[in-house]
Amino acid sequence: MADFPEKSAIIKEYGISERDTGSSEVQAALLTHRINHLTGHLKDHKKDNHSRRGLILLVSRRRHLLNYISRKNYSKYQDLVKKLGLRK
């Protein structure tokens, strides 16, 4: 994954420490940022099916992470979903 300027800010916000890049919450937040970016790209480039497949894979990976978080600590899952703005 290519580094992007917002990555360190996302890690600071969702991680336990500044060097915490592996926790499930941070991974889900980074995936959400990538998904939002790719969704914007696909709105402009409707026929870009290769990127669309990548988006589906990212959404699937985030879904697996969120399922894991909900099994381990449901209150943390609810807070994360609210912070990321995933559910209404």
PDB file of N, CA and C in Angstrom:
ATOM      1  N   MET A   1       0.846  -1.177   0.000  1.00  0.00           N
ATOM      2  CA  MET A   1       0.000   0.000   0.000  1.00  0.00           C
ATOM      3  C   MET A   1       0.888   1.236   0.000  1.00  0.00           C
ATOM      4  N   ALA A   2       0.576   2.146  -0.865  1.00  0.00           N
ATOM      5  CA  ALA A   2       1.358   3.376  -0.927  1.00  0.00           C
ATOM      6  C   ALA A   2       1.033   4.269   0.267  1.00  0.00           C
ATOM      7  N   ASP A   3       2.044   4.943   0.766  1.00  0.00           N
ATOM      8  CA  ASP A   3       1.808   5.867   1.868  1.00  0.00           C
ATOM      9  C   ASP A   3       1.061   7.090   1.362  1.00  0.00           C
ATOM     10  N   PHE A   4       0.241   7.628   2.193  1.00  0.00           N
ATOM     11  CA  PHE A   4      -0.477   8.842   1.876  1.00  0.00           C
ATOM     12  C   PHE A   4      -0.383   9.762   3.081  1.00  0.00           C
ATOM     13  N   PRO A   5      -0.529  11.062   2.891  1.00  0.00           N
ATOM     14  CA  PRO A   5      -0.285  12.027   3.973  1.00  0.00           C
ATOM     15  C   PRO A   5      -1.184  11.837   5.188  1.00  0.00           C
ATOM     16  N   GLU A   6      -2.397  11.358   4.993  1.00  0.00           N
ATOM     17  CA  GLU A   6      -3.337  11.227   6.097  1.00  0.00           C
ATOM     18  C   GLU A   6      -3.084   9.987   6.952  1.00  0.00           C
ATOM     19  N   LYS A   7      -2.191   9.125   6.504  1.00  0.00           N
ATOM     20  CA  LYS A   7      -1.984   7.844   7.178  1.00  0.00           C
ATOM     21  C   LYS A   7      -1.550   8.019   8.625  1.00  0.00           C
ATOM     22  N   SER A   8      -0.600   8.904   8.879  1.00  0.00           N
ATOM     23  CA  SER A   8      -0.119   9.083  10.247  1.00  0.00           C
ATOM     24  C   SER A   8      -1.211   9.676  11.133  1.00  0.00           C
ATOM     25  N   ALA A   9      -2.045  10.551  10.575  1.00  0.00           N
ATOM     26  CA  ALA A   9      -3.144  11.124  11.357  1.00  0.00           C
ATOM     27  C   ALA A   9      -4.174  10.057  11.707  1.00  0.00           C
ATOM     28  N   ILE A  10      -4.449   9.160  10.774  1.00  0.00           N
ATOM     29  CA  ILE A  10      -5.393   8.073  11.036  1.00  0.00           C
ATOM     30  C   ILE A  10      -4.836   7.137  12.096  1.00  0.00           C
ATOM     31  N   ILE A  11      -3.545   6.827  12.009  1.00  0.00           N
ATOM     32  CA  ILE A  11      -2.918   5.941  12.992  1.00  0.00           C
ATOM     33  C   ILE A  11      -2.957   6.582  14.374  1.00  0.00           C
ATOM     34  N   LYS A  12      -2.697   7.885  14.441  1.00  0.00           N
ATOM     35  CA  LYS A  12      -2.754   8.599  15.728  1.00  0.00           C
ATOM     36  C   LYS A  12      -4.148   8.556  16.330  1.00  0.00           C
ATOM     37  N   GLU A  13      -5.151   8.731  15.480  1.00  0.00           N
ATOM     38  CA  GLU A  13      -6.519   8.818  15.975  1.00  0.00           C
ATOM     39  C   GLU A  13      -7.067   7.470  16.436  1.00  0.00           C
ATOM     40  N   TYR A  14      -6.777   6.394  15.699  1.00  0.00           N
ATOM     41  CA  TYR A  14      -7.391   5.103  15.982  1.00  0.00           C
ATOM     42  C   TYR A  14      -6.466   4.131  16.709  1.00  0.00           C
ATOM     43  N   GLY A  15      -5.169   4.415  16.721  1.00  0.00           N
ATOM     44  CA  GLY A  15      -4.231   3.498  17.337  1.00  0.00           C
ATOM     45  C   GLY A  15      -4.025   3.745  18.809  1.00  0.00           C
ATOM     46  N   ILE A  16      -3.406   2.782  19.452  1.00  0.00           N
ATOM     47  CA  ILE A  16      -3.080   2.898  20.863  1.00  0.00           C
ATOM     48  C   ILE A  16      -1.901   3.846  21.043  1.00  0.00           C
ATOM     49  N   SER A  17      -0.930   3.745  20.127  1.00  0.00           N
ATOM     50  CA  SER A  17       0.222   4.640  20.140  1.00  0.00           C
ATOM     51  C   SER A  17       0.484   5.088  18.703  1.00  0.00           C
ATOM     52  N   GLU A  18       1.494   5.933  18.521  1.00  0.00           N
ATOM     53  CA  GLU A  18       1.800   6.421  17.175  1.00  0.00           C
ATOM     54  C   GLU A  18       2.370   5.329  16.277  1.00  0.00           C
ATOM     55  N   ARG A  19       2.984   4.329  16.888  1.00  0.00           N
ATOM     56  CA  ARG A  19       3.606   3.258  16.112  1.00  0.00           C
ATOM     57  C   ARG A  19       2.684   2.051  15.937  1.00  0.00           C
ATOM     58  N   ASP A  20       1.451   2.152  16.392  1.00  0.00           N
ATOM     59  CA  ASP A  20       0.490   1.059  16.321  1.00  0.00           C
ATOM     60  C   ASP A  20      -0.157   1.032  14.947  1.00  0.00           C
ATOM     61  N   THR A  21       0.406   0.227  14.054  1.00  0.00           N
ATOM     62  CA  THR A  21      -0.160   0.127  12.712  1.00  0.00           C
ATOM     63  C   THR A  21      -0.847  -1.202  12.483  1.00  0.00           C
ATOM     64  N   GLY A  22      -0.739  -2.114  13.417  1.00  0.00           N
ATOM     65  CA  GLY A  22      -1.253  -3.451  13.186  1.00  0.00           C
ATOM     66  C   GLY A  22      -2.546  -3.772  13.872  1.00  0.00           C
ATOM     67  N   SER A  23      -3.028  -2.922  14.771  1.00  0.00           N
ATOM     68  CA  SER A  23      -4.263  -3.255  15.464  1.00  0.00           C
ATOM     69  C   SER A  23      -5.426  -3.246  14.473  1.00  0.00           C
ATOM     70  N   SER A  24      -6.425  -4.025  14.774  1.00  0.00           N
ATOM     71  CA  SER A  24      -7.560  -4.186  13.870  1.00  0.00           C
ATOM     72  C   SER A  24      -8.285  -2.867  13.628  1.00  0.00           C
ATOM     73  N   GLU A  25      -8.364  -2.031  14.666  1.00  0.00           N
ATOM     74  CA  GLU A  25      -9.057  -0.754  14.514  1.00  0.00           C
ATOM     75  C   GLU A  25      -8.340   0.150  13.515  1.00  0.00           C
ATOM     76  N   VAL A  26      -7.021   0.189  13.603  1.00  0.00           N
ATOM     77  CA  VAL A  26      -6.241   1.021  12.680  1.00  0.00           C
ATOM     78  C   VAL A  26      -6.367   0.481  11.263  1.00  0.00           C
ATOM     79  N   GLN A  27      -6.290  -0.838  11.112  1.00  0.00           N
ATOM     80  CA  GLN A  27      -6.405  -1.434   9.790  1.00  0.00           C
ATOM     81  C   GLN A  27      -7.760  -1.120   9.164  1.00  0.00           C
ATOM     82  N   ALA A  28      -8.822  -1.219   9.962  1.00  0.00           N
ATOM     83  CA  ALA A  28     -10.161  -0.921   9.443  1.00  0.00           C
ATOM     84  C   ALA A  28     -10.278   0.555   9.053  1.00  0.00           C
ATOM     85  N   ALA A  29      -9.687   1.440   9.850  1.00  0.00           N
ATOM     86  CA  ALA A  29      -9.743   2.872   9.542  1.00  0.00           C
ATOM     87  C   ALA A  29      -8.971   3.180   8.258  1.00  0.00           C
ATOM     88  N   LEU A  30      -7.803   2.571   8.081  1.00  0.00           N
ATOM     89  CA  LEU A  30      -7.022   2.791   6.863  1.00  0.00           C
ATOM     90  C   LEU A  30      -7.746   2.243   5.638  1.00  0.00           C
ATOM     91  N   LEU A  31      -8.370   1.078   5.796  1.00  0.00           N
ATOM     92  CA  LEU A  31      -9.137   0.519   4.684  1.00  0.00           C
ATOM     93  C   LEU A  31     -10.319   1.423   4.332  1.00  0.00           C
ATOM     94  N   THR A  32     -10.959   1.982   5.338  1.00  0.00           N
ATOM     95  CA  THR A  32     -12.086   2.877   5.093  1.00  0.00           C
ATOM     96  C   THR A  32     -11.636   4.099   4.302  1.00  0.00           C
ATOM     97  N   HIS A  33     -10.477   4.637   4.652  1.00  0.00           N
ATOM     98  CA  HIS A  33      -9.955   5.793   3.912  1.00  0.00           C
ATOM     99  C   HIS A  33      -9.681   5.415   2.459  1.00  0.00           C
ATOM    100  N   ARG A  34      -9.071   4.263   2.243  1.00  0.00           N
ATOM    101  CA  ARG A  34      -8.786   3.821   0.875  1.00  0.00           C
ATOM    102  C   ARG A  34     -10.070   3.567   0.095  1.00  0.00           C
ATOM    103  N   ILE A  35     -11.076   2.980   0.762  1.00  0.00           N
ATOM    104  CA  ILE A  35     -12.360   2.707   0.109  1.00  0.00           C
ATOM    105  C   ILE A  35     -13.033   4.010  -0.304  1.00  0.00           C
ATOM    106  N   ASN A  36     -13.018   4.998   0.577  1.00  0.00           N
ATOM    107  CA  ASN A  36     -13.633   6.288   0.250  1.00  0.00           C
ATOM    108  C   ASN A  36     -12.926   6.956  -0.924  1.00  0.00           C
ATOM    109  N   HIS A  37     -11.599   6.869  -0.949  1.00  0.00           N
ATOM    110  CA  HIS A  37     -10.828   7.455  -2.043  1.00  0.00           C
ATOM    111  C   HIS A  37     -11.151   6.747  -3.365  1.00  0.00           C
ATOM    112  N   LEU A  38     -11.186   5.426  -3.327  1.00  0.00           N
ATOM    113  CA  LEU A  38     -11.439   4.650  -4.536  1.00  0.00           C
ATOM    114  C   LEU A  38     -12.872   4.839  -5.025  1.00  0.00           C
ATOM    115  N   THR A  39     -13.809   5.030  -4.123  1.00  0.00           N
ATOM    116  CA  THR A  39     -15.193   5.277  -4.509  1.00  0.00           C
ATOM    117  C   THR A  39     -15.292   6.584  -5.296  1.00  0.00           C
ATOM    118  N   GLY A  40     -14.566   7.603  -4.850  1.00  0.00           N
ATOM    119  CA  GLY A  40     -14.540   8.859  -5.587  1.00  0.00           C
ATOM    120  C   GLY A  40     -13.950   8.695  -6.969  1.00  0.00           C
ATOM    121  N   HIS A  41     -12.898   7.891  -7.074  1.00  0.00           N
ATOM    122  CA  HIS A  41     -12.279   7.626  -8.371  1.00  0.00           C
ATOM    123  C   HIS A  41     -13.269   6.946  -9.312  1.00  0.00           C
ATOM    124  N   LEU A  42     -14.015   5.983  -8.779  1.00  0.00           N
ATOM    125  CA  LEU A  42     -14.936   5.230  -9.639  1.00  0.00           C
ATOM    126  C   LEU A  42     -16.150   6.054 -10.060  1.00  0.00           C
ATOM    127  N   LYS A  43     -16.463   7.106  -9.316  1.00  0.00           N
ATOM    128  CA  LYS A  43     -17.554   7.984  -9.752  1.00  0.00           C
ATOM    129  C   LYS A  43     -17.155   8.727 -11.018  1.00  0.00           C
ATOM    130  N   ASP A  44     -15.874   9.059 -11.148  1.00  0.00           N
ATOM    131  CA  ASP A  44     -15.395   9.745 -12.343  1.00  0.00           C
ATOM    132  C   ASP A  44     -15.118   8.776 -13.488  1.00  0.00           C
ATOM    133  N   HIS A  45     -14.654   7.576 -13.166  1.00  0.00           N
ATOM    134  CA  HIS A  45     -14.249   6.599 -14.174  1.00  0.00           C
ATOM    135  C   HIS A  45     -15.131   5.356 -14.049  1.00  0.00           C
ATOM    136  N   LYS A  46     -16.307   5.437 -14.617  1.00  0.00           N
ATOM    137  CA  LYS A  46     -17.311   4.401 -14.419  1.00  0.00           C
ATOM    138  C   LYS A  46     -16.934   3.055 -15.038  1.00  0.00           C
ATOM    139  N   LYS A  47     -16.095   3.044 -16.044  1.00  0.00           N
ATOM    140  CA  LYS A  47     -15.759   1.793 -16.735  1.00  0.00           C
ATOM    141  C   LYS A  47     -14.460   1.160 -16.237  1.00  0.00           C
ATOM    142  N   ASP A  48     -13.918   1.661 -15.164  1.00  0.00           N
ATOM    143  CA  ASP A  48     -12.666   1.141 -14.619  1.00  0.00           C
ATOM    144  C   ASP A  48     -12.958  -0.105 -13.774  1.00  0.00           C
ATOM    145  N   ASN A  49     -13.115  -1.234 -14.451  1.00  0.00           N
ATOM    146  CA  ASN A  49     -13.522  -2.456 -13.764  1.00  0.00           C
ATOM    147  C   ASN A  49     -12.398  -3.066 -12.940  1.00  0.00           C
ATOM    148  N   HIS A  50     -11.158  -2.818 -13.290  1.00  0.00           N
ATOM    149  CA  HIS A  50     -10.045  -3.339 -12.502  1.00  0.00           C
ATOM    150  C   HIS A  50     -10.021  -2.692 -11.121  1.00  0.00           C
ATOM    151  N   SER A  51     -10.224  -1.403 -11.072  1.00  0.00           N
ATOM    152  CA  SER A  51     -10.277  -0.711  -9.784  1.00  0.00           C
ATOM    153  C   SER A  51     -11.531  -1.097  -9.014  1.00  0.00           C
ATOM    154  N   ARG A  52     -12.615  -1.365  -9.716  1.00  0.00           N
ATOM    155  CA  ARG A  52     -13.853  -1.795  -9.060  1.00  0.00           C
ATOM    156  C   ARG A  52     -13.647  -3.126  -8.344  1.00  0.00           C
ATOM    157  N   ARG A  53     -12.905  -4.023  -8.970  1.00  0.00           N
ATOM    158  CA  ARG A  53     -12.607  -5.305  -8.329  1.00  0.00           C
ATOM    159  C   ARG A  53     -11.765  -5.084  -7.083  1.00  0.00           C
ATOM    160  N   GLY A  54     -10.789  -4.185  -7.184  1.00  0.00           N
ATOM    161  CA  GLY A  54      -9.971  -3.858  -6.019  1.00  0.00           C
ATOM    162  C   GLY A  54     -10.813  -3.289  -4.894  1.00  0.00           C
ATOM    163  N   LEU A  55     -11.792  -2.463  -5.226  1.00  0.00           N
ATOM    164  CA  LEU A  55     -12.691  -1.900  -4.222  1.00  0.00           C
ATOM    165  C   LEU A  55     -13.481  -3.002  -3.526  1.00  0.00           C
ATOM    166  N   ILE A  56     -13.976  -3.952  -4.286  1.00  0.00           N
ATOM    167  CA  ILE A  56     -14.738  -5.058  -3.691  1.00  0.00           C
ATOM    168  C   ILE A  56     -13.867  -5.860  -2.743  1.00  0.00           C
ATOM    169  N   LEU A  57     -12.607  -6.077  -3.103  1.00  0.00           N
ATOM    170  CA  LEU A  57     -11.690  -6.807  -2.229  1.00  0.00           C
ATOM    171  C   LEU A  57     -11.408  -6.033  -0.944  1.00  0.00           C
ATOM    172  N   LEU A  58     -11.255  -4.703  -1.057  1.00  0.00           N
ATOM    173  CA  LEU A  58     -11.020  -3.881   0.130  1.00  0.00           C
ATOM    174  C   LEU A  58     -12.226  -3.905   1.068  1.00  0.00           C
ATOM    175  N   VAL A  59     -13.415  -3.808   0.500  1.00  0.00           N
ATOM    176  CA  VAL A  59     -14.632  -3.842   1.314  1.00  0.00           C
ATOM    177  C   VAL A  59     -14.752  -5.181   2.025  1.00  0.00           C
ATOM    178  N   SER A  60     -14.420  -6.247   1.321  1.00  0.00           N
ATOM    179  CA  SER A  60     -14.477  -7.578   1.921  1.00  0.00           C
ATOM    180  C   SER A  60     -13.477  -7.712   3.070  1.00  0.00           C
ATOM    181  N   ARG A  61     -12.268  -7.205   2.872  1.00  0.00           N
ATOM    182  CA  ARG A  61     -11.253  -7.274   3.920  1.00  0.00           C
ATOM    183  C   ARG A  61     -11.680  -6.475   5.148  1.00  0.00           C
ATOM    184  N   ARG A  62     -12.279  -5.282   4.908  1.00  0.00           N
ATOM    185  CA  ARG A  62     -12.762  -4.475   6.032  1.00  0.00           C
ATOM    186  C   ARG A  62     -13.899  -5.183   6.756  1.00  0.00           C
ATOM    187  N   ARG A  63     -14.781  -5.836   6.010  1.00  0.00           N
ATOM    188  CA  ARG A  63     -15.893  -6.566   6.623  1.00  0.00           C
ATOM    189  C   ARG A  63     -15.365  -7.671   7.544  1.00  0.00           C
ATOM    190  N   HIS A  64     -14.345  -8.395   7.103  1.00  0.00           N
ATOM    191  CA  HIS A  64     -13.748  -9.447   7.931  1.00  0.00           C
ATOM    192  C   HIS A  64     -13.135  -8.863   9.195  1.00  0.00           C
ATOM    193  N   LEU A  65     -12.438  -7.744   9.068  1.00  0.00           N
ATOM    194  CA  LEU A  65     -11.850  -7.095  10.246  1.00  0.00           C
ATOM    195  C   LEU A  65     -12.927  -6.635  11.222  1.00  0.00           C
ATOM    196  N   LEU A  66     -13.989  -6.037  10.698  1.00  0.00           N
ATOM    197  CA  LEU A  66     -15.057  -5.563  11.574  1.00  0.00           C
ATOM    198  C   LEU A  66     -15.770  -6.721  12.256  1.00  0.00           C
ATOM    199  N   ASN A  67     -15.940  -7.837  11.555  1.00  0.00           N
ATOM    200  CA  ASN A  67     -16.528  -9.021  12.189  1.00  0.00           C
ATOM    201  C   ASN A  67     -15.643  -9.512  13.327  1.00  0.00           C
ATOM    202  N   TYR A  68     -14.350  -9.507  13.121  1.00  0.00           N
ATOM    203  CA  TYR A  68     -13.407  -9.928  14.155  1.00  0.00           C
ATOM    204  C   TYR A  68     -13.504  -9.009  15.375  1.00  0.00           C
ATOM    205  N   ILE A  69     -13.532  -7.703  15.131  1.00  0.00           N
ATOM    206  CA  ILE A  69     -13.609  -6.740  16.235  1.00  0.00           C
ATOM    207  C   ILE A  69     -14.924  -6.914  16.992  1.00  0.00           C
ATOM    208  N   SER A  70     -16.014  -7.149  16.274  1.00  0.00           N
ATOM    209  CA  SER A  70     -17.304  -7.305  16.956  1.00  0.00           C
ATOM    210  C   SER A  70     -17.335  -8.574  17.800  1.00  0.00           C
ATOM    211  N   ARG A  71     -16.643  -9.619  17.374  1.00  0.00           N
ATOM    212  CA  ARG A  71     -16.581 -10.850  18.181  1.00  0.00           C
ATOM    213  C   ARG A  71     -15.745 -10.650  19.429  1.00  0.00           C
ATOM    214  N   LYS A  72     -14.644  -9.916  19.320  1.00  0.00           N
ATOM    215  CA  LYS A  72     -13.718  -9.758  20.441  1.00  0.00           C
ATOM    216  C   LYS A  72     -14.199  -8.728  21.459  1.00  0.00           C
ATOM    217  N   ASN A  73     -14.706  -7.588  20.978  1.00  0.00           N
ATOM    218  CA  ASN A  73     -15.111  -6.517  21.891  1.00  0.00           C
ATOM    219  C   ASN A  73     -16.203  -5.700  21.205  1.00  0.00           C
ATOM    220  N   TYR A  74     -17.460  -6.004  21.527  1.00  0.00           N
ATOM    221  CA  TYR A  74     -18.579  -5.407  20.803  1.00  0.00           C
ATOM    222  C   TYR A  74     -18.684  -3.903  21.047  1.00  0.00           C
ATOM    223  N   SER A  75     -18.382  -3.444  22.250  1.00  0.00           N
ATOM    224  CA  SER A  75     -18.477  -2.007  22.515  1.00  0.00           C
ATOM    225  C   SER A  75     -17.429  -1.240  21.707  1.00  0.00           C
ATOM    226  N   LYS A  76     -16.239  -1.815  21.556  1.00  0.00           N
ATOM    227  CA  LYS A  76     -15.197  -1.187  20.731  1.00  0.00           C
ATOM    228  C   LYS A  76     -15.640  -1.152  19.265  1.00  0.00           C
ATOM    229  N   TYR A  77     -16.310  -2.207  18.833  1.00  0.00           N
ATOM    230  CA  TYR A  77     -16.840  -2.275  17.469  1.00  0.00           C
ATOM    231  C   TYR A  77     -17.860  -1.166  17.234  1.00  0.00           C
ATOM    232  N   GLN A  78     -18.784  -0.987  18.177  1.00  0.00           N
ATOM    233  CA  GLN A  78     -19.805   0.049  18.031  1.00  0.00           C
ATOM    234  C   GLN A  78     -19.176   1.440  17.976  1.00  0.00           C
ATOM    235  N   ASP A  79     -18.187   1.691  18.822  1.00  0.00           N
ATOM    236  CA  ASP A  79     -17.507   2.984  18.803  1.00  0.00           C
ATOM    237  C   ASP A  79     -16.794   3.213  17.473  1.00  0.00           C
ATOM    238  N   LEU A  80     -16.124   2.181  16.977  1.00  0.00           N
ATOM    239  CA  LEU A  80     -15.382   2.301  15.725  1.00  0.00           C
ATOM    240  C   LEU A  80     -16.317   2.570  14.552  1.00  0.00           C
ATOM    241  N   VAL A  81     -17.428   1.845  14.492  1.00  0.00           N
ATOM    242  CA  VAL A  81     -18.383   2.028  13.396  1.00  0.00           C
ATOM    243  C   VAL A  81     -18.957   3.441  13.434  1.00  0.00           C
ATOM    244  N   LYS A  82     -19.229   3.950  14.633  1.00  0.00           N
ATOM    245  CA  LYS A  82     -19.757   5.307  14.754  1.00  0.00           C
ATOM    246  C   LYS A  82     -18.716   6.329  14.320  1.00  0.00           C
ATOM    247  N   LYS A  83     -17.445   6.127  14.733  1.00  0.00           N
ATOM    248  CA  LYS A  83     -16.371   7.063  14.372  1.00  0.00           C
ATOM    249  C   LYS A  83     -16.119   7.082  12.867  1.00  0.00           C
ATOM    250  N   LEU A  84     -16.184   5.896  12.252  1.00  0.00           N
ATOM    251  CA  LEU A  84     -15.923   5.804  10.809  1.00  0.00           C
ATOM    252  C   LEU A  84     -17.133   6.225   9.973  1.00  0.00           C
ATOM    253  N   GLY A  85     -18.298   6.277  10.608  1.00  0.00           N
ATOM    254  CA  GLY A  85     -19.506   6.672   9.899  1.00  0.00           C
ATOM    255  C   GLY A  85     -19.990   5.612   8.926  1.00  0.00           C
ATOM    256  N   LEU A  86     -19.918   4.352   9.332  1.00  0.00           N
ATOM    257  CA  LEU A  86     -20.284   3.269   8.421  1.00  0.00           C
ATOM    258  C   LEU A  86     -21.762   2.912   8.442  1.00  0.00           C
ATOM    259  N   ARG A  87     -22.412   3.078   9.585  1.00  0.00           N
ATOM    260  CA  ARG A  87     -23.829   2.739   9.703  1.00  0.00           C
ATOM    261  C   ARG A  87     -24.640   3.990   9.963  1.00  0.00           C
ATOM    262  N   LYS A  88     -25.910   3.914   9.645  1.00  0.00           N
ATOM    263  CA  LYS A  88     -26.773   5.064   9.896  1.00  0.00           C
ATOM    264  C   LYS A  88     -27.575   4.843  11.155  1.00  0.00           C
TER     265      LYS A  88
END
